[in-house]
Amino acid sequence: MHITLNGEPYDASANLLHDLLQQLELLDKRIAVEFNEEICPRSEWPNQAIQEGDIIEIVHAIGGG
């Protein structure tokens, strides 16, 4: 299915956000996910279905001071 991932067209084979992040090897990273312009808490990743046309933004958390 066709989605937008970080502003770029992406052909996703995963049906769940958790599975997409696993395919992208990001599950063990410190990231935040915006799903259709809403922050998606990590606890919802396993149940968040991906559908045609969804917009997903993934950002890496960077510590600093």
PDB file of N, CA and C in Angstrom:
ATOM      1  N   MET A   1       0.836  -1.174   0.000  1.00  0.00           N
ATOM      2  CA  MET A   1       0.000   0.000   0.000  1.00  0.00           C
ATOM      3  C   MET A   1       0.880   1.235   0.000  1.00  0.00           C
ATOM      4  N   HIS A   2       0.373   2.306  -0.500  1.00  0.00           N
ATOM      5  CA  HIS A   2       1.133   3.549  -0.629  1.00  0.00           C
ATOM      6  C   HIS A   2       0.843   4.455   0.561  1.00  0.00           C
ATOM      7  N   ILE A   3       1.925   4.839   1.257  1.00  0.00           N
ATOM      8  CA  ILE A   3       1.829   5.781   2.359  1.00  0.00           C
ATOM      9  C   ILE A   3       2.869   6.871   2.140  1.00  0.00           C
ATOM     10  N   THR A   4       2.860   7.862   3.004  1.00  0.00           N
ATOM     11  CA  THR A   4       3.920   8.868   3.012  1.00  0.00           C
ATOM     12  C   THR A   4       4.721   8.659   4.281  1.00  0.00           C
ATOM     13  N   LEU A   5       6.022   8.463   4.142  1.00  0.00           N
ATOM     14  CA  LEU A   5       6.913   8.222   5.270  1.00  0.00           C
ATOM     15  C   LEU A   5       7.971   9.311   5.289  1.00  0.00           C
ATOM     16  N   ASN A   6       7.942  10.120   6.314  1.00  0.00           N
ATOM     17  CA  ASN A   6       8.878  11.247   6.446  1.00  0.00           C
ATOM     18  C   ASN A   6       8.891  12.120   5.186  1.00  0.00           C
ATOM     19  N   GLY A   7       7.692  12.408   4.686  1.00  0.00           N
ATOM     20  CA  GLY A   7       7.546  13.333   3.566  1.00  0.00           C
ATOM     21  C   GLY A   7       7.780  12.736   2.194  1.00  0.00           C
ATOM     22  N   GLU A   8       8.083  11.447   2.133  1.00  0.00           N
ATOM     23  CA  GLU A   8       8.373  10.792   0.854  1.00  0.00           C
ATOM     24  C   GLU A   8       7.385   9.658   0.600  1.00  0.00           C
ATOM     25  N   PRO A   9       7.024   9.418  -0.656  1.00  0.00           N
ATOM     26  CA  PRO A   9       6.176   8.255  -0.956  1.00  0.00           C
ATOM     27  C   PRO A   9       6.888   6.970  -0.541  1.00  0.00           C
ATOM     28  N   TYR A  10       6.123   6.034   0.003  1.00  0.00           N
ATOM     29  CA  TYR A  10       6.704   4.777   0.472  1.00  0.00           C
ATOM     30  C   TYR A  10       5.698   3.664   0.220  1.00  0.00           C
ATOM     31  N   ASP A  11       6.180   2.546  -0.273  1.00  0.00           N
ATOM     32  CA  ASP A  11       5.338   1.386  -0.548  1.00  0.00           C
ATOM     33  C   ASP A  11       5.471   0.428   0.634  1.00  0.00           C
ATOM     34  N   ALA A  12       4.486   0.422   1.523  1.00  0.00           N
ATOM     35  CA  ALA A  12       4.556  -0.365   2.755  1.00  0.00           C
ATOM     36  C   ALA A  12       3.949  -1.749   2.561  1.00  0.00           C
ATOM     37  N   SER A  13       4.641  -2.761   3.090  1.00  0.00           N
ATOM     38  CA  SER A  13       4.091  -4.109   3.071  1.00  0.00           C
ATOM     39  C   SER A  13       3.525  -4.487   4.436  1.00  0.00           C
ATOM     40  N   ALA A  14       3.836  -3.699   5.467  1.00  0.00           N
ATOM     41  CA  ALA A  14       3.349  -3.964   6.822  1.00  0.00           C
ATOM     42  C   ALA A  14       1.936  -3.428   6.995  1.00  0.00           C
ATOM     43  N   ASN A  15       1.149  -4.135   7.794  1.00  0.00           N
ATOM     44  CA  ASN A  15      -0.216  -3.699   8.085  1.00  0.00           C
ATOM     45  C   ASN A  15      -0.335  -2.991   9.422  1.00  0.00           C
ATOM     46  N   LEU A  16       0.686  -3.115  10.263  1.00  0.00           N
ATOM     47  CA  LEU A  16       0.687  -2.484  11.577  1.00  0.00           C
ATOM     48  C   LEU A  16       1.923  -1.600  11.718  1.00  0.00           C
ATOM     49  N   LEU A  17       1.777  -0.523  12.463  1.00  0.00           N
ATOM     50  CA  LEU A  17       2.890   0.405  12.677  1.00  0.00           C
ATOM     51  C   LEU A  17       4.079  -0.322  13.300  1.00  0.00           C
ATOM     52  N   HIS A  18       3.839  -1.155  14.282  1.00  0.00           N
ATOM     53  CA  HIS A  18       4.913  -1.917  14.928  1.00  0.00           C
ATOM     54  C   HIS A  18       5.710  -2.713  13.900  1.00  0.00           C
ATOM     55  N   ASP A  19       5.012  -3.371  12.975  1.00  0.00           N
ATOM     56  CA  ASP A  19       5.682  -4.185  11.958  1.00  0.00           C
ATOM     57  C   ASP A  19       6.504  -3.326  11.005  1.00  0.00           C
ATOM     58  N   LEU A  20       5.981  -2.154  10.654  1.00  0.00           N
ATOM     59  CA  LEU A  20       6.734  -1.234   9.792  1.00  0.00           C
ATOM     60  C   LEU A  20       8.016  -0.786  10.485  1.00  0.00           C
ATOM     61  N   LEU A  21       7.911  -0.416  11.749  1.00  0.00           N
ATOM     62  CA  LEU A  21       9.088   0.029  12.493  1.00  0.00           C
ATOM     63  C   LEU A  21      10.096  -1.106  12.647  1.00  0.00           C
ATOM     64  N   GLN A  22       9.600  -2.323  12.780  1.00  0.00           N
ATOM     65  CA  GLN A  22      10.493  -3.480  12.863  1.00  0.00           C
ATOM     66  C   GLN A  22      11.232  -3.676  11.535  1.00  0.00           C
ATOM     67  N   GLN A  23      10.509  -3.562  10.419  1.00  0.00           N
ATOM     68  CA  GLN A  23      11.124  -3.689   9.097  1.00  0.00           C
ATOM     69  C   GLN A  23      12.187  -2.620   8.882  1.00  0.00           C
ATOM     70  N   LEU A  24      11.938  -1.430   9.411  1.00  0.00           N
ATOM     71  CA  LEU A  24      12.878  -0.319   9.269  1.00  0.00           C
ATOM     72  C   LEU A  24      14.000  -0.378  10.308  1.00  0.00           C
ATOM     73  N   GLU A  25      13.978  -1.418  11.162  1.00  0.00           N
ATOM     74  CA  GLU A  25      14.971  -1.621  12.215  1.00  0.00           C
ATOM     75  C   GLU A  25      15.044  -0.432  13.168  1.00  0.00           C
ATOM     76  N   LEU A  26      13.864   0.062  13.566  1.00  0.00           N
ATOM     77  CA  LEU A  26      13.794   1.232  14.440  1.00  0.00           C
ATOM     78  C   LEU A  26      13.199   0.936  15.814  1.00  0.00           C
ATOM     79  N   LEU A  27      12.754  -0.287  16.059  1.00  0.00           N
ATOM     80  CA  LEU A  27      12.075  -0.583  17.325  1.00  0.00           C
ATOM     81  C   LEU A  27      12.957  -0.362  18.547  1.00  0.00           C
ATOM     82  N   ASP A  28      14.243  -0.611  18.428  1.00  0.00           N
ATOM     83  CA  ASP A  28      15.122  -0.456  19.579  1.00  0.00           C
ATOM     84  C   ASP A  28      15.745   0.941  19.657  1.00  0.00           C
ATOM     85  N   LYS A  29      15.304   1.844  18.796  1.00  0.00           N
ATOM     86  CA  LYS A  29      15.825   3.210  18.766  1.00  0.00           C
ATOM     87  C   LYS A  29      14.928   4.132  19.594  1.00  0.00           C
ATOM     88  N   ARG A  30      15.486   5.240  20.013  1.00  0.00           N
ATOM     89  CA  ARG A  30      14.704   6.262  20.715  1.00  0.00           C
ATOM     90  C   ARG A  30      14.057   7.149  19.658  1.00  0.00           C
ATOM     91  N   ILE A  31      12.807   6.850  19.354  1.00  0.00           N
ATOM     92  CA  ILE A  31      12.102   7.576  18.302  1.00  0.00           C
ATOM     93  C   ILE A  31      10.733   8.034  18.808  1.00  0.00           C
ATOM     94  N   ALA A  32      10.190   8.984  18.091  1.00  0.00           N
ATOM     95  CA  ALA A  32       8.801   9.411  18.270  1.00  0.00           C
ATOM     96  C   ALA A  32       8.128   9.258  16.923  1.00  0.00           C
ATOM     97  N   VAL A  33       6.845   8.893  16.940  1.00  0.00           N
ATOM     98  CA  VAL A  33       6.109   8.663  15.707  1.00  0.00           C
ATOM     99  C   VAL A  33       4.866   9.533  15.684  1.00  0.00           C
ATOM    100  N   GLU A  34       4.731  10.265  14.583  1.00  0.00           N
ATOM    101  CA  GLU A  34       3.514  11.027  14.320  1.00  0.00           C
ATOM    102  C   GLU A  34       2.752  10.270  13.237  1.00  0.00           C
ATOM    103  N   PHE A  35       1.501   9.951  13.532  1.00  0.00           N
ATOM    104  CA  PHE A  35       0.671   9.159  12.638  1.00  0.00           C
ATOM    105  C   PHE A  35      -0.524  10.010  12.227  1.00  0.00           C
ATOM    106  N   ASN A  36      -0.569  10.393  10.964  1.00  0.00           N
ATOM    107  CA  ASN A  36      -1.637  11.271  10.458  1.00  0.00           C
ATOM    108  C   ASN A  36      -1.802  12.515  11.334  1.00  0.00           C
ATOM    109  N   GLU A  37      -0.666  13.160  11.592  1.00  0.00           N
ATOM    110  CA  GLU A  37      -0.585  14.438  12.309  1.00  0.00           C
ATOM    111  C   GLU A  37      -0.940  14.352  13.791  1.00  0.00           C
ATOM    112  N   GLU A  38      -0.893  13.144  14.363  1.00  0.00           N
ATOM    113  CA  GLU A  38      -1.120  12.936  15.794  1.00  0.00           C
ATOM    114  C   GLU A  38       0.032  12.103  16.344  1.00  0.00           C
ATOM    115  N   ILE A  39       0.546  12.481  17.513  1.00  0.00           N
ATOM    116  CA  ILE A  39       1.581  11.669  18.144  1.00  0.00           C
ATOM    117  C   ILE A  39       0.985  10.311  18.483  1.00  0.00           C
ATOM    118  N   CYS A  40       1.707   9.268  18.131  1.00  0.00           N
ATOM    119  CA  CYS A  40       1.250   7.900  18.410  1.00  0.00           C
ATOM    120  C   CYS A  40       2.119   7.334  19.529  1.00  0.00           C
ATOM    121  N   PRO A  41       1.554   7.148  20.730  1.00  0.00           N
ATOM    122  CA  PRO A  41       2.346   6.607  21.844  1.00  0.00           C
ATOM    123  C   PRO A  41       2.882   5.213  21.536  1.00  0.00           C
ATOM    124  N   ARG A  42       4.046   4.914  22.059  1.00  0.00           N
ATOM    125  CA  ARG A  42       4.691   3.612  21.844  1.00  0.00           C
ATOM    126  C   ARG A  42       3.754   2.461  22.213  1.00  0.00           C
ATOM    127  N   SER A  43       2.932   2.647  23.222  1.00  0.00           N
ATOM    128  CA  SER A  43       2.026   1.582  23.663  1.00  0.00           C
ATOM    129  C   SER A  43       0.972   1.242  22.609  1.00  0.00           C
ATOM    130  N   GLU A  44       0.727   2.147  21.665  1.00  0.00           N
ATOM    131  CA  GLU A  44      -0.269   1.913  20.618  1.00  0.00           C
ATOM    132  C   GLU A  44       0.323   1.341  19.334  1.00  0.00           C
ATOM    133  N   TRP A  45       1.647   1.314  19.209  1.00  0.00           N
ATOM    134  CA  TRP A  45       2.285   0.847  17.982  1.00  0.00           C
ATOM    135  C   TRP A  45       1.849  -0.556  17.575  1.00  0.00           C
ATOM    136  N   PRO A  46       1.738  -1.526  18.516  1.00  0.00           N
ATOM    137  CA  PRO A  46       1.368  -2.886  18.094  1.00  0.00           C
ATOM    138  C   PRO A  46      -0.048  -3.000  17.519  1.00  0.00           C
ATOM    139  N   ASN A  47      -0.918  -2.064  17.852  1.00  0.00           N
ATOM    140  CA  ASN A  47      -2.317  -2.141  17.414  1.00  0.00           C
ATOM    141  C   ASN A  47      -2.686  -1.116  16.352  1.00  0.00           C
ATOM    142  N   GLN A  48      -1.765  -0.211  16.009  1.00  0.00           N
ATOM    143  CA  GLN A  48      -2.062   0.855  15.063  1.00  0.00           C
ATOM    144  C   GLN A  48      -1.992   0.318  13.631  1.00  0.00           C
ATOM    145  N   ALA A  49      -3.155   0.179  13.005  1.00  0.00           N
ATOM    146  CA  ALA A  49      -3.221  -0.314  11.628  1.00  0.00           C
ATOM    147  C   ALA A  49      -2.761   0.772  10.659  1.00  0.00           C
ATOM    148  N   ILE A  50      -2.094   0.342   9.609  1.00  0.00           N
ATOM    149  CA  ILE A  50      -1.673   1.247   8.535  1.00  0.00           C
ATOM    150  C   ILE A  50      -2.615   1.042   7.361  1.00  0.00           C
ATOM    151  N   GLN A  51      -3.077   2.170   6.807  1.00  0.00           N
ATOM    152  CA  GLN A  51      -3.988   2.112   5.671  1.00  0.00           C
ATOM    153  C   GLN A  51      -3.449   2.957   4.522  1.00  0.00           C
ATOM    154  N   GLU A  52      -3.935   2.674   3.345  1.00  0.00           N
ATOM    155  CA  GLU A  52      -3.562   3.413   2.141  1.00  0.00           C
ATOM    156  C   GLU A  52      -3.682   4.918   2.403  1.00  0.00           C
ATOM    157  N   GLY A  53      -2.626   5.658   2.077  1.00  0.00           N
ATOM    158  CA  GLY A  53      -2.657   7.111   2.184  1.00  0.00           C
ATOM    159  C   GLY A  53      -2.251   7.672   3.532  1.00  0.00           C
ATOM    160  N   ASP A  54      -1.959   6.808   4.517  1.00  0.00           N
ATOM    161  CA  ASP A  54      -1.543   7.311   5.829  1.00  0.00           C
ATOM    162  C   ASP A  54      -0.249   8.097   5.706  1.00  0.00           C
ATOM    163  N   ILE A  55      -0.077   9.038   6.638  1.00  0.00           N
ATOM    164  CA  ILE A  55       1.129   9.862   6.690  1.00  0.00           C
ATOM    165  C   ILE A  55       1.828   9.571   8.010  1.00  0.00           C
ATOM    166  N   ILE A  56       3.058   9.090   7.913  1.00  0.00           N
ATOM    167  CA  ILE A  56       3.823   8.714   9.098  1.00  0.00           C
ATOM    168  C   ILE A  56       5.125   9.499   9.101  1.00  0.00           C
ATOM    169  N   GLU A  57       5.385  10.158  10.227  1.00  0.00           N
ATOM    170  CA  GLU A  57       6.638  10.888  10.434  1.00  0.00           C
ATOM    171  C   GLU A  57       7.355  10.230  11.594  1.00  0.00           C
ATOM    172  N   ILE A  58       8.609   9.909  11.398  1.00  0.00           N
ATOM    173  CA  ILE A  58       9.429   9.283  12.448  1.00  0.00           C
ATOM    174  C   ILE A  58      10.603  10.197  12.714  1.00  0.00           C
ATOM    175  N   VAL A  59      10.783  10.552  14.000  1.00  0.00           N
ATOM    176  CA  VAL A  59      11.917  11.390  14.373  1.00  0.00           C
ATOM    177  C   VAL A  59      12.713  10.699  15.466  1.00  0.00           C
ATOM    178  N   HIS A  60      14.019  10.859  15.426  1.00  0.00           N
ATOM    179  CA  HIS A  60      14.896  10.306  16.436  1.00  0.00           C
ATOM    180  C   HIS A  60      14.996  11.297  17.591  1.00  0.00           C
ATOM    181  N   ALA A  61      14.860  10.785  18.798  1.00  0.00           N
ATOM    182  CA  ALA A  61      15.025  11.610  19.991  1.00  0.00           C
ATOM    183  C   ALA A  61      16.519  11.813  20.218  1.00  0.00           C
ATOM    184  N   ILE A  62      16.908  13.046  20.422  1.00  0.00           N
ATOM    185  CA  ILE A  62      18.306  13.375  20.656  1.00  0.00           C
ATOM    186  C   ILE A  62      18.416  14.115  21.986  1.00  0.00           C
ATOM    187  N   GLY A  63      19.223  13.577  22.868  1.00  0.00           N
ATOM    188  CA  GLY A  63      19.417  14.209  24.175  1.00  0.00           C
ATOM    189  C   GLY A  63      20.395  15.370  24.074  1.00  0.00           C
ATOM    190  N   GLY A  64      20.306  16.224  25.011  1.00  0.00           N
ATOM    191  CA  GLY A  64      21.225  17.363  25.019  1.00  0.00           C
ATOM    192  C   GLY A  64      20.834  18.334  26.096  1.00  0.00           C
ATOM    193  N   GLY A  65      21.576  19.390  26.164  1.00  0.00           N
ATOM    194  CA  GLY A  65      21.245  20.329  27.230  1.00  0.00           C
ATOM    195  C   GLY A  65      21.724  21.699  26.914  1.00  0.00           C
TER     196      GLY A  65
END
